[in-house]
Amino acid sequence: MIINLSRDDRIENPALFDQMFQSRAAVFHDRLGWDVVVKDGRETDRYDEEADPVYLLAVDGDQRVHGSLRLLATTGPTMLQGEFKHFFDDDVDVAAPTIWECTRFCVPPIVGRSAQDVGTVSAELLIGLCELCLVSGIEFVVGVYETPMTRIYARIGWSPEPLARARPEIGNITAGIWEATPAALSSMRQRLSARMSGQRVLVA
């Protein structure tokens, strides 16, 4: 199940936010070695504290968080305009009310979780993101991703259009933009249905 939360929901849903921030620490700090701030086992940044983000969480019936992502309006501060700006020689400063930025896409490592399970959670998050866009008037989602992820997005059924490649010393990183369309949503749903019909149900 995919649920949408805002920063204001942290008061009523502390356990969900704790799980999300702990998962982000496990993925971005512990596994990937990113230069992020971790305090009390939780990874947060200035956008979580100062901006007005929207979060999508993949949760099960026991309210366990299996994955999450964060959305920021590009009409306000974003990572592409800030922390990621120096990655690119080309201007990728995209800002419009109908374009939002996706960051902190996170599917944490869980004992017993297979690569298929990770792919299923990732697909569910992207489906939830596309659904949210279509009902909210968001036409495009912009984000920065490791270039090999292009194959994963294509497998899920929603591929970004590349905007710029990072300078070689930065790494194999791309800035891209996804168009939220009914066709993209239909493609992802069909592919996830086919995936689920041929595998076991996700169990954490």
N, C-alpha and C. Protein backbone atom coordinates (compact mmCIF):
# COMPACT_ATOMS: atom_id res chain seq x y z
N MET A 1 0.84 -1.19 0.00
CA MET A 1 0.00 0.00 0.00
C MET A 1 0.87 1.25 0.00
N ILE A 2 0.48 2.24 -0.81
CA ILE A 2 1.21 3.49 -0.87
C ILE A 2 0.41 4.57 -0.15
N ILE A 3 1.07 5.28 0.76
CA ILE A 3 0.41 6.38 1.45
C ILE A 3 1.20 7.66 1.22
N ASN A 4 0.49 8.79 1.22
CA ASN A 4 1.10 10.10 1.04
C ASN A 4 1.08 10.84 2.37
N LEU A 5 2.20 11.43 2.73
CA LEU A 5 2.30 12.18 3.97
C LEU A 5 2.99 13.52 3.71
N SER A 6 2.65 14.50 4.51
CA SER A 6 3.32 15.80 4.47
C SER A 6 4.14 15.96 5.73
N ARG A 7 4.92 17.02 5.79
CA ARG A 7 5.71 17.27 6.98
C ARG A 7 4.83 17.42 8.21
N ASP A 8 3.65 17.99 8.03
CA ASP A 8 2.73 18.18 9.16
C ASP A 8 2.26 16.86 9.76
N ASP A 9 2.34 15.79 8.98
CA ASP A 9 1.89 14.48 9.47
C ASP A 9 2.88 13.82 10.42
N ARG A 10 4.05 14.42 10.61
CA ARG A 10 5.06 13.81 11.48
C ARG A 10 4.57 13.71 12.91
N ILE A 11 3.73 14.62 13.35
CA ILE A 11 3.24 14.61 14.73
C ILE A 11 2.35 13.40 14.98
N GLU A 12 1.48 13.09 14.00
CA GLU A 12 0.52 12.00 14.18
C GLU A 12 1.08 10.64 13.75
N ASN A 13 2.17 10.64 12.99
CA ASN A 13 2.72 9.38 12.47
C ASN A 13 4.21 9.27 12.75
N PRO A 14 4.64 9.42 13.99
CA PRO A 14 6.08 9.41 14.28
C PRO A 14 6.75 8.09 13.92
N ALA A 15 6.06 6.96 14.08
CA ALA A 15 6.68 5.66 13.81
C ALA A 15 6.99 5.51 12.32
N LEU A 16 6.09 5.97 11.46
CA LEU A 16 6.32 5.87 10.02
C LEU A 16 7.50 6.74 9.60
N PHE A 17 7.56 7.96 10.13
CA PHE A 17 8.66 8.84 9.79
C PHE A 17 9.98 8.31 10.34
N ASP A 18 9.96 7.76 11.55
CA ASP A 18 11.19 7.18 12.11
C ASP A 18 11.71 6.07 11.22
N GLN A 19 10.81 5.18 10.78
CA GLN A 19 11.24 4.09 9.90
C GLN A 19 11.82 4.62 8.60
N MET A 20 11.16 5.63 8.02
CA MET A 20 11.64 6.19 6.76
C MET A 20 13.02 6.79 6.92
N PHE A 21 13.21 7.60 7.96
CA PHE A 21 14.50 8.26 8.15
C PHE A 21 15.59 7.25 8.53
N GLN A 22 15.23 6.21 9.28
CA GLN A 22 16.20 5.15 9.58
C GLN A 22 16.60 4.39 8.32
N SER A 23 15.61 4.13 7.46
CA SER A 23 15.90 3.45 6.20
C SER A 23 16.82 4.29 5.32
N ARG A 24 16.57 5.58 5.27
CA ARG A 24 17.43 6.46 4.50
C ARG A 24 18.86 6.44 5.02
N ALA A 25 19.04 6.41 6.33
CA ALA A 25 20.38 6.31 6.89
C ALA A 25 21.05 5.01 6.48
N ALA A 26 20.29 3.91 6.51
CA ALA A 26 20.84 2.60 6.16
C ALA A 26 21.26 2.54 4.70
N VAL A 27 20.48 3.20 3.83
CA VAL A 27 20.77 3.14 2.39
C VAL A 27 21.82 4.17 2.00
N PHE A 28 21.57 5.44 2.29
CA PHE A 28 22.42 6.50 1.75
C PHE A 28 23.73 6.67 2.51
N HIS A 29 23.71 6.46 3.82
CA HIS A 29 24.94 6.60 4.60
C HIS A 29 25.69 5.28 4.71
N ASP A 30 25.01 4.26 5.21
CA ASP A 30 25.70 3.00 5.50
C ASP A 30 26.07 2.23 4.25
N ARG A 31 25.13 2.11 3.30
CA ARG A 31 25.39 1.27 2.12
C ARG A 31 26.08 2.01 1.00
N LEU A 32 25.62 3.23 0.70
CA LEU A 32 26.17 3.98 -0.43
C LEU A 32 27.30 4.91 -0.03
N GLY A 33 27.42 5.21 1.25
CA GLY A 33 28.52 6.05 1.69
C GLY A 33 28.40 7.51 1.32
N TRP A 34 27.17 7.99 1.15
CA TRP A 34 26.98 9.40 0.81
C TRP A 34 27.33 10.29 2.01
N ASP A 35 27.70 11.51 1.70
CA ASP A 35 28.02 12.51 2.73
C ASP A 35 26.72 13.14 3.21
N VAL A 36 26.00 12.39 4.04
CA VAL A 36 24.73 12.86 4.58
C VAL A 36 24.82 12.89 6.10
N VAL A 37 23.96 13.67 6.70
CA VAL A 37 23.97 13.81 8.16
C VAL A 37 23.04 12.77 8.77
N VAL A 38 23.59 11.97 9.67
CA VAL A 38 22.81 10.97 10.38
C VAL A 38 22.88 11.30 11.87
N LYS A 39 21.74 11.42 12.49
CA LYS A 39 21.65 11.70 13.92
C LYS A 39 20.67 10.73 14.55
N ASP A 40 21.13 10.06 15.60
CA ASP A 40 20.30 9.07 16.29
C ASP A 40 19.77 8.01 15.32
N GLY A 41 20.62 7.66 14.34
CA GLY A 41 20.26 6.61 13.40
C GLY A 41 19.30 7.01 12.31
N ARG A 42 19.05 8.32 12.17
CA ARG A 42 18.09 8.81 11.19
C ARG A 42 18.76 9.82 10.27
N GLU A 43 18.46 9.72 8.98
CA GLU A 43 19.00 10.67 8.00
C GLU A 43 17.93 11.68 7.61
N THR A 44 18.20 12.94 7.88
CA THR A 44 17.32 14.03 7.44
C THR A 44 18.20 15.16 6.92
N ASP A 45 17.59 16.07 6.18
CA ASP A 45 18.33 17.23 5.69
C ASP A 45 17.46 18.47 5.82
N ARG A 46 17.94 19.56 5.28
CA ARG A 46 17.24 20.84 5.45
C ARG A 46 15.89 20.85 4.75
N TYR A 47 15.74 20.05 3.73
CA TYR A 47 14.45 20.03 3.02
C TYR A 47 13.37 19.36 3.87
N ASP A 48 13.77 18.36 4.65
CA ASP A 48 12.81 17.73 5.56
C ASP A 48 12.38 18.70 6.67
N GLU A 49 13.29 19.56 7.08
CA GLU A 49 13.01 20.42 8.22
C GLU A 49 12.46 21.79 7.82
N GLU A 50 12.87 22.30 6.65
CA GLU A 50 12.55 23.68 6.31
C GLU A 50 11.59 23.83 5.12
N ALA A 51 11.54 22.84 4.25
CA ALA A 51 10.69 22.93 3.07
C ALA A 51 9.32 22.32 3.37
N ASP A 52 8.53 22.13 2.34
CA ASP A 52 7.19 21.56 2.49
C ASP A 52 7.08 20.31 1.61
N PRO A 53 7.82 19.26 1.96
CA PRO A 53 7.85 18.07 1.10
C PRO A 53 6.59 17.23 1.20
N VAL A 54 6.41 16.43 0.17
CA VAL A 54 5.41 15.36 0.17
C VAL A 54 6.17 14.05 0.13
N TYR A 55 5.79 13.12 0.98
CA TYR A 55 6.44 11.81 1.04
C TYR A 55 5.48 10.73 0.56
N LEU A 56 6.01 9.79 -0.19
CA LEU A 56 5.27 8.58 -0.54
C LEU A 56 5.96 7.41 0.15
N LEU A 57 5.18 6.62 0.89
CA LEU A 57 5.71 5.48 1.61
C LEU A 57 5.00 4.20 1.17
N ALA A 58 5.76 3.16 0.94
CA ALA A 58 5.21 1.83 0.70
C ALA A 58 5.17 1.10 2.04
N VAL A 59 3.98 0.81 2.52
CA VAL A 59 3.83 0.18 3.84
C VAL A 59 2.99 -1.09 3.71
N ASP A 60 3.20 -2.01 4.65
CA ASP A 60 2.39 -3.22 4.66
C ASP A 60 1.29 -3.10 5.71
N GLY A 61 0.55 -4.17 5.91
CA GLY A 61 -0.58 -4.13 6.82
C GLY A 61 -0.19 -3.92 8.28
N ASP A 62 1.08 -4.17 8.61
CA ASP A 62 1.57 -3.97 9.97
C ASP A 62 2.26 -2.62 10.12
N GLN A 63 2.07 -1.75 9.13
CA GLN A 63 2.63 -0.40 9.16
C GLN A 63 4.16 -0.41 9.16
N ARG A 64 4.73 -1.39 8.48
CA ARG A 64 6.17 -1.41 8.28
C ARG A 64 6.48 -0.75 6.95
N VAL A 65 7.47 0.13 6.94
CA VAL A 65 7.83 0.88 5.75
C VAL A 65 8.81 0.07 4.91
N HIS A 66 8.44 -0.21 3.67
CA HIS A 66 9.30 -0.98 2.76
C HIS A 66 10.04 -0.10 1.76
N GLY A 67 9.63 1.14 1.62
CA GLY A 67 10.30 2.05 0.71
C GLY A 67 9.67 3.42 0.78
N SER A 68 10.37 4.42 0.26
CA SER A 68 9.85 5.78 0.34
C SER A 68 10.53 6.65 -0.70
N LEU A 69 9.92 7.82 -0.94
CA LEU A 69 10.53 8.86 -1.76
C LEU A 69 10.00 10.19 -1.29
N ARG A 70 10.66 11.26 -1.74
CA ARG A 70 10.28 12.61 -1.32
C ARG A 70 10.09 13.50 -2.55
N LEU A 71 9.06 14.32 -2.50
CA LEU A 71 8.76 15.27 -3.57
C LEU A 71 8.88 16.69 -3.05
N LEU A 72 9.48 17.55 -3.88
CA LEU A 72 9.61 18.97 -3.58
C LEU A 72 9.14 19.78 -4.77
N ALA A 73 8.39 20.84 -4.50
CA ALA A 73 7.98 21.75 -5.57
C ALA A 73 9.20 22.47 -6.12
N THR A 74 9.34 22.53 -7.43
CA THR A 74 10.50 23.20 -8.02
C THR A 74 10.37 24.72 -7.98
N THR A 75 9.23 25.23 -7.55
CA THR A 75 9.09 26.67 -7.38
C THR A 75 9.74 27.13 -6.07
N GLY A 76 10.18 26.19 -5.25
CA GLY A 76 10.93 26.49 -4.04
C GLY A 76 12.30 25.84 -4.11
N PRO A 77 13.04 25.84 -3.01
CA PRO A 77 14.37 25.23 -3.01
C PRO A 77 14.31 23.74 -3.33
N THR A 78 15.24 23.28 -4.17
CA THR A 78 15.35 21.87 -4.51
C THR A 78 16.82 21.47 -4.50
N MET A 79 17.07 20.19 -4.48
CA MET A 79 18.44 19.71 -4.51
C MET A 79 19.09 19.95 -5.87
N LEU A 80 18.30 19.90 -6.93
CA LEU A 80 18.85 20.16 -8.26
C LEU A 80 19.30 21.60 -8.41
N GLN A 81 18.62 22.50 -7.73
CA GLN A 81 19.01 23.90 -7.74
C GLN A 81 20.12 24.19 -6.74
N GLY A 82 20.31 23.28 -5.79
CA GLY A 82 21.28 23.50 -4.72
C GLY A 82 22.42 22.52 -4.75
N GLU A 83 22.30 21.44 -3.96
CA GLU A 83 23.40 20.49 -3.79
C GLU A 83 23.86 19.83 -5.08
N PHE A 84 22.95 19.60 -6.03
CA PHE A 84 23.32 18.90 -7.26
C PHE A 84 23.72 19.84 -8.41
N LYS A 85 23.58 21.12 -8.23
CA LYS A 85 23.78 22.06 -9.34
C LYS A 85 25.20 21.97 -9.92
N HIS A 86 26.17 21.80 -9.03
CA HIS A 86 27.56 21.78 -9.50
C HIS A 86 27.93 20.46 -10.19
N PHE A 87 27.02 19.49 -10.18
CA PHE A 87 27.29 18.22 -10.86
C PHE A 87 27.37 18.39 -12.37
N PHE A 88 26.68 19.40 -12.91
CA PHE A 88 26.43 19.48 -14.34
C PHE A 88 26.98 20.77 -14.93
N ASP A 89 27.55 20.65 -16.13
CA ASP A 89 27.96 21.84 -16.87
C ASP A 89 26.76 22.49 -17.54
N ASP A 90 25.80 21.66 -17.97
CA ASP A 90 24.60 22.19 -18.60
C ASP A 90 23.64 22.74 -17.54
N ASP A 91 22.84 23.70 -17.95
CA ASP A 91 21.85 24.29 -17.04
C ASP A 91 20.65 23.36 -16.94
N VAL A 92 20.42 22.83 -15.76
CA VAL A 92 19.26 21.95 -15.54
C VAL A 92 18.38 22.53 -14.43
N ASP A 93 18.35 23.84 -14.35
CA ASP A 93 17.54 24.53 -13.35
C ASP A 93 16.10 24.60 -13.85
N VAL A 94 15.35 23.53 -13.60
CA VAL A 94 13.98 23.40 -14.07
C VAL A 94 13.04 23.84 -12.95
N ALA A 95 12.17 24.80 -13.24
CA ALA A 95 11.25 25.29 -12.21
C ALA A 95 9.92 25.68 -12.84
N ALA A 96 8.84 25.10 -12.34
CA ALA A 96 7.49 25.43 -12.78
C ALA A 96 6.51 24.80 -11.80
N PRO A 97 5.32 25.36 -11.65
CA PRO A 97 4.35 24.78 -10.72
C PRO A 97 3.96 23.35 -11.05
N THR A 98 4.07 22.97 -12.31
CA THR A 98 3.66 21.61 -12.71
C THR A 98 4.84 20.64 -12.78
N ILE A 99 6.01 21.07 -12.31
CA ILE A 99 7.19 20.20 -12.26
C ILE A 99 7.64 20.08 -10.81
N TRP A 100 7.75 18.85 -10.32
CA TRP A 100 8.21 18.61 -8.95
C TRP A 100 9.47 17.75 -8.99
N GLU A 101 10.27 17.86 -7.96
CA GLU A 101 11.52 17.10 -7.87
C GLU A 101 11.35 15.89 -6.96
N CYS A 102 11.84 14.75 -7.41
CA CYS A 102 11.86 13.53 -6.61
C CYS A 102 13.27 13.27 -6.11
N THR A 103 13.41 13.13 -4.79
CA THR A 103 14.70 12.79 -4.19
C THR A 103 14.48 11.74 -3.11
N ARG A 104 15.60 11.24 -2.60
CA ARG A 104 15.60 10.26 -1.50
C ARG A 104 14.72 9.05 -1.80
N PHE A 105 14.80 8.57 -3.05
CA PHE A 105 14.13 7.32 -3.41
C PHE A 105 14.86 6.20 -2.68
N CYS A 106 14.16 5.48 -1.83
CA CYS A 106 14.83 4.58 -0.90
C CYS A 106 14.05 3.29 -0.74
N VAL A 107 14.69 2.17 -1.06
CA VAL A 107 14.15 0.84 -0.75
C VAL A 107 15.21 0.14 0.09
N PRO A 108 15.02 0.10 1.41
CA PRO A 108 16.08 -0.34 2.31
C PRO A 108 16.33 -1.84 2.26
N PRO A 109 17.55 -2.25 2.63
CA PRO A 109 17.85 -3.68 2.72
C PRO A 109 17.13 -4.31 3.90
N ILE A 110 16.43 -5.40 3.64
CA ILE A 110 15.73 -6.13 4.69
C ILE A 110 16.09 -7.60 4.54
N VAL A 111 16.38 -8.25 5.66
CA VAL A 111 16.74 -9.66 5.63
C VAL A 111 15.63 -10.47 4.97
N GLY A 112 15.99 -11.27 4.00
CA GLY A 112 15.02 -12.10 3.31
C GLY A 112 14.42 -11.46 2.08
N ARG A 113 14.71 -10.19 1.84
CA ARG A 113 14.15 -9.50 0.68
C ARG A 113 14.97 -9.83 -0.55
N SER A 114 14.31 -10.28 -1.61
CA SER A 114 14.99 -10.64 -2.84
C SER A 114 15.07 -9.45 -3.78
N ALA A 115 15.83 -9.62 -4.87
CA ALA A 115 15.91 -8.57 -5.88
C ALA A 115 14.53 -8.33 -6.50
N GLN A 116 13.73 -9.38 -6.63
CA GLN A 116 12.38 -9.22 -7.16
C GLN A 116 11.51 -8.39 -6.21
N ASP A 117 11.68 -8.61 -4.92
CA ASP A 117 10.94 -7.83 -3.93
C ASP A 117 11.30 -6.36 -4.03
N VAL A 118 12.59 -6.06 -4.16
CA VAL A 118 13.04 -4.68 -4.31
C VAL A 118 12.43 -4.06 -5.55
N GLY A 119 12.42 -4.81 -6.65
CA GLY A 119 11.82 -4.31 -7.88
C GLY A 119 10.33 -4.05 -7.73
N THR A 120 9.65 -4.91 -6.98
CA THR A 120 8.21 -4.72 -6.76
C THR A 120 7.94 -3.46 -5.97
N VAL A 121 8.68 -3.25 -4.88
CA VAL A 121 8.49 -2.04 -4.08
C VAL A 121 8.81 -0.80 -4.90
N SER A 122 9.88 -0.84 -5.68
CA SER A 122 10.24 0.29 -6.52
C SER A 122 9.13 0.62 -7.51
N ALA A 123 8.56 -0.43 -8.13
CA ALA A 123 7.46 -0.23 -9.07
C ALA A 123 6.25 0.36 -8.38
N GLU A 124 5.93 -0.13 -7.19
CA GLU A 124 4.78 0.38 -6.45
C GLU A 124 4.96 1.86 -6.12
N LEU A 125 6.18 2.25 -5.75
CA LEU A 125 6.43 3.65 -5.44
C LEU A 125 6.27 4.53 -6.68
N LEU A 126 6.79 4.07 -7.82
CA LEU A 126 6.68 4.87 -9.03
C LEU A 126 5.23 4.94 -9.52
N ILE A 127 4.48 3.86 -9.36
CA ILE A 127 3.06 3.89 -9.70
C ILE A 127 2.33 4.89 -8.81
N GLY A 128 2.62 4.84 -7.51
CA GLY A 128 2.02 5.79 -6.60
C GLY A 128 2.39 7.22 -6.92
N LEU A 129 3.63 7.42 -7.34
CA LEU A 129 4.07 8.76 -7.73
C LEU A 129 3.33 9.25 -8.96
N CYS A 130 3.20 8.40 -9.96
CA CYS A 130 2.50 8.79 -11.18
C CYS A 130 1.02 9.05 -10.90
N GLU A 131 0.41 8.23 -10.06
CA GLU A 131 -0.99 8.44 -9.68
C GLU A 131 -1.16 9.79 -8.99
N LEU A 132 -0.26 10.10 -8.06
CA LEU A 132 -0.32 11.38 -7.35
C LEU A 132 -0.19 12.55 -8.32
N CYS A 133 0.73 12.42 -9.27
CA CYS A 133 0.92 13.49 -10.26
C CYS A 133 -0.36 13.73 -11.05
N LEU A 134 -0.99 12.65 -11.50
CA LEU A 134 -2.16 12.79 -12.37
C LEU A 134 -3.34 13.41 -11.64
N VAL A 135 -3.48 13.14 -10.36
CA VAL A 135 -4.62 13.72 -9.62
C VAL A 135 -4.30 15.09 -9.05
N SER A 136 -3.02 15.48 -9.07
CA SER A 136 -2.61 16.74 -8.46
C SER A 136 -2.22 17.81 -9.48
N GLY A 137 -2.27 17.48 -10.76
CA GLY A 137 -1.90 18.45 -11.77
C GLY A 137 -0.41 18.60 -11.98
N ILE A 138 0.37 17.64 -11.48
CA ILE A 138 1.81 17.63 -11.72
C ILE A 138 2.06 16.93 -13.04
N GLU A 139 2.71 17.62 -13.97
CA GLU A 139 2.91 17.08 -15.31
C GLU A 139 4.26 16.38 -15.47
N PHE A 140 5.26 16.82 -14.72
CA PHE A 140 6.60 16.26 -14.87
C PHE A 140 7.25 16.09 -13.50
N VAL A 141 8.13 15.11 -13.41
CA VAL A 141 8.96 14.89 -12.22
C VAL A 141 10.41 14.90 -12.67
N VAL A 142 11.22 15.69 -12.00
CA VAL A 142 12.63 15.78 -12.32
C VAL A 142 13.44 15.15 -11.21
N GLY A 143 14.56 14.55 -11.55
CA GLY A 143 15.37 13.91 -10.53
C GLY A 143 16.78 13.61 -11.03
N VAL A 144 17.65 13.30 -10.10
CA VAL A 144 19.03 12.92 -10.38
C VAL A 144 19.18 11.46 -9.99
N TYR A 145 19.78 10.66 -10.86
CA TYR A 145 19.87 9.23 -10.61
C TYR A 145 21.17 8.68 -11.19
N GLU A 146 21.61 7.55 -10.65
CA GLU A 146 22.75 6.86 -11.22
C GLU A 146 22.34 6.29 -12.58
N THR A 147 23.13 6.55 -13.59
CA THR A 147 22.76 6.24 -14.97
C THR A 147 22.35 4.77 -15.17
N PRO A 148 23.00 3.79 -14.53
CA PRO A 148 22.55 2.40 -14.72
C PRO A 148 21.11 2.15 -14.30
N MET A 149 20.53 3.05 -13.49
CA MET A 149 19.13 2.90 -13.10
C MET A 149 18.19 3.02 -14.29
N THR A 150 18.69 3.55 -15.41
CA THR A 150 17.86 3.69 -16.60
C THR A 150 17.22 2.36 -16.99
N ARG A 151 17.98 1.27 -16.85
CA ARG A 151 17.46 -0.06 -17.19
C ARG A 151 16.33 -0.46 -16.24
N ILE A 152 16.46 -0.09 -14.97
CA ILE A 152 15.43 -0.43 -14.00
C ILE A 152 14.14 0.33 -14.31
N TYR A 153 14.27 1.63 -14.60
CA TYR A 153 13.09 2.43 -14.93
C TYR A 153 12.40 1.87 -16.17
N ALA A 154 13.18 1.47 -17.17
CA ALA A 154 12.60 0.92 -18.39
C ALA A 154 11.86 -0.39 -18.09
N ARG A 155 12.43 -1.19 -17.20
CA ARG A 155 11.79 -2.46 -16.84
C ARG A 155 10.48 -2.22 -16.11
N ILE A 156 10.45 -1.18 -15.27
CA ILE A 156 9.22 -0.85 -14.55
C ILE A 156 8.18 -0.28 -15.49
N GLY A 157 8.63 0.45 -16.53
CA GLY A 157 7.70 0.98 -17.52
C GLY A 157 7.54 2.48 -17.53
N TRP A 158 8.47 3.20 -16.85
CA TRP A 158 8.39 4.67 -16.83
C TRP A 158 9.81 5.21 -16.92
N SER A 159 10.24 5.52 -18.12
CA SER A 159 11.62 5.95 -18.35
C SER A 159 11.72 7.47 -18.41
N PRO A 160 12.77 8.03 -17.82
CA PRO A 160 12.97 9.48 -17.89
C PRO A 160 13.62 9.90 -19.20
N GLU A 161 13.43 11.16 -19.54
CA GLU A 161 14.17 11.76 -20.64
C GLU A 161 15.41 12.41 -20.05
N PRO A 162 16.61 12.03 -20.48
CA PRO A 162 17.83 12.63 -19.91
C PRO A 162 17.90 14.12 -20.22
N LEU A 163 18.29 14.89 -19.22
CA LEU A 163 18.49 16.32 -19.39
C LEU A 163 19.97 16.68 -19.45
N ALA A 164 20.79 16.00 -18.65
CA ALA A 164 22.21 16.30 -18.60
C ALA A 164 22.95 15.16 -17.93
N ARG A 165 24.19 14.95 -18.34
CA ARG A 165 25.08 14.00 -17.67
C ARG A 165 26.05 14.75 -16.79
N ALA A 166 26.31 14.20 -15.63
CA ALA A 166 27.25 14.84 -14.71
C ALA A 166 28.66 14.80 -15.27
N ARG A 167 29.48 15.72 -14.79
CA ARG A 167 30.88 15.72 -15.19
C ARG A 167 31.53 14.42 -14.76
N PRO A 168 32.51 13.91 -15.52
CA PRO A 168 33.10 12.59 -15.25
C PRO A 168 33.61 12.43 -13.83
N GLU A 169 34.18 13.48 -13.26
CA GLU A 169 34.73 13.35 -11.91
C GLU A 169 33.65 13.21 -10.85
N ILE A 170 32.42 13.55 -11.20
CA ILE A 170 31.30 13.42 -10.26
C ILE A 170 30.84 11.97 -10.19
N GLY A 171 30.80 11.31 -11.35
CA GLY A 171 30.35 9.93 -11.40
C GLY A 171 29.38 9.71 -12.54
N ASN A 172 28.89 8.48 -12.64
CA ASN A 172 27.98 8.10 -13.72
C ASN A 172 26.55 8.47 -13.31
N ILE A 173 26.27 9.75 -13.38
CA ILE A 173 25.02 10.31 -12.86
C ILE A 173 24.33 11.12 -13.94
N THR A 174 23.01 11.04 -13.97
CA THR A 174 22.20 11.74 -14.97
C THR A 174 21.09 12.53 -14.28
N ALA A 175 20.78 13.68 -14.82
CA ALA A 175 19.56 14.40 -14.45
C ALA A 175 18.52 14.11 -15.53
N GLY A 176 17.33 13.72 -15.11
CA GLY A 176 16.31 13.37 -16.08
C GLY A 176 14.95 13.87 -15.66
N ILE A 177 14.01 13.76 -16.59
CA ILE A 177 12.65 14.22 -16.32
C ILE A 177 11.65 13.17 -16.80
N TRP A 178 10.69 12.86 -15.96
CA TRP A 178 9.64 11.90 -16.26
C TRP A 178 8.36 12.65 -16.56
N GLU A 179 7.66 12.27 -17.60
CA GLU A 179 6.35 12.86 -17.89
C GLU A 179 5.27 11.96 -17.32
N ALA A 180 4.41 12.55 -16.49
CA ALA A 180 3.32 11.79 -15.88
C ALA A 180 2.14 11.75 -16.84
N THR A 181 1.86 10.56 -17.37
CA THR A 181 0.77 10.40 -18.34
C THR A 181 -0.04 9.15 -17.98
N PRO A 182 -1.31 9.10 -18.40
CA PRO A 182 -2.09 7.88 -18.20
C PRO A 182 -1.45 6.67 -18.86
N ALA A 183 -0.78 6.89 -19.99
CA ALA A 183 -0.14 5.77 -20.68
C ALA A 183 1.00 5.19 -19.84
N ALA A 184 1.78 6.07 -19.21
CA ALA A 184 2.88 5.59 -18.35
C ALA A 184 2.33 4.81 -17.17
N LEU A 185 1.25 5.32 -16.57
CA LEU A 185 0.64 4.64 -15.44
C LEU A 185 0.11 3.27 -15.84
N SER A 186 -0.55 3.21 -16.99
CA SER A 186 -1.09 1.93 -17.48
C SER A 186 0.03 0.92 -17.73
N SER A 187 1.13 1.39 -18.33
CA SER A 187 2.26 0.51 -18.61
C SER A 187 2.84 -0.06 -17.32
N MET A 188 3.01 0.78 -16.32
CA MET A 188 3.57 0.31 -15.06
C MET A 188 2.64 -0.67 -14.36
N ARG A 189 1.36 -0.38 -14.38
CA ARG A 189 0.41 -1.29 -13.74
C ARG A 189 0.42 -2.66 -14.41
N GLN A 190 0.46 -2.68 -15.75
CA GLN A 190 0.47 -3.95 -16.47
C GLN A 190 1.72 -4.75 -16.16
N ARG A 191 2.86 -4.06 -16.11
CA ARG A 191 4.11 -4.76 -15.85
C ARG A 191 4.17 -5.28 -14.42
N LEU A 192 3.66 -4.48 -13.47
CA LEU A 192 3.65 -4.95 -12.09
C LEU A 192 2.71 -6.13 -11.93
N SER A 193 1.56 -6.09 -12.59
CA SER A 193 0.62 -7.21 -12.52
C SER A 193 1.27 -8.49 -13.04
N ALA A 194 2.00 -8.36 -14.15
CA ALA A 194 2.68 -9.53 -14.71
C ALA A 194 3.76 -10.02 -13.76
N ARG A 195 4.47 -9.09 -13.12
CA ARG A 195 5.50 -9.47 -12.16
C ARG A 195 4.89 -10.21 -10.98
N MET A 196 3.79 -9.68 -10.45
CA MET A 196 3.19 -10.27 -9.27
C MET A 196 2.56 -11.63 -9.56
N SER A 197 2.08 -11.81 -10.77
CA SER A 197 1.46 -13.09 -11.11
C SER A 197 2.47 -14.22 -11.20
N GLY A 198 3.75 -13.84 -11.33
CA GLY A 198 4.77 -14.85 -11.46
C GLY A 198 5.72 -14.94 -10.29
N GLN A 199 5.40 -14.28 -9.17
CA GLN A 199 6.29 -14.34 -8.02
C GLN A 199 5.46 -14.41 -6.74
N ARG A 200 6.13 -14.69 -5.65
CA ARG A 200 5.48 -14.72 -4.35
C ARG A 200 5.12 -13.31 -3.92
N VAL A 201 4.18 -13.20 -3.01
CA VAL A 201 3.80 -11.91 -2.46
C VAL A 201 4.94 -11.40 -1.57
N LEU A 202 5.18 -10.09 -1.60
CA LEU A 202 6.26 -9.49 -0.83
C LEU A 202 6.09 -9.81 0.65
N VAL A 203 7.13 -10.35 1.24
CA VAL A 203 7.13 -10.62 2.67
C VAL A 203 8.41 -10.04 3.25
N ALA A 204 8.29 -9.21 4.29
CA ALA A 204 9.49 -8.62 4.89
C ALA A 204 10.12 -9.60 5.87
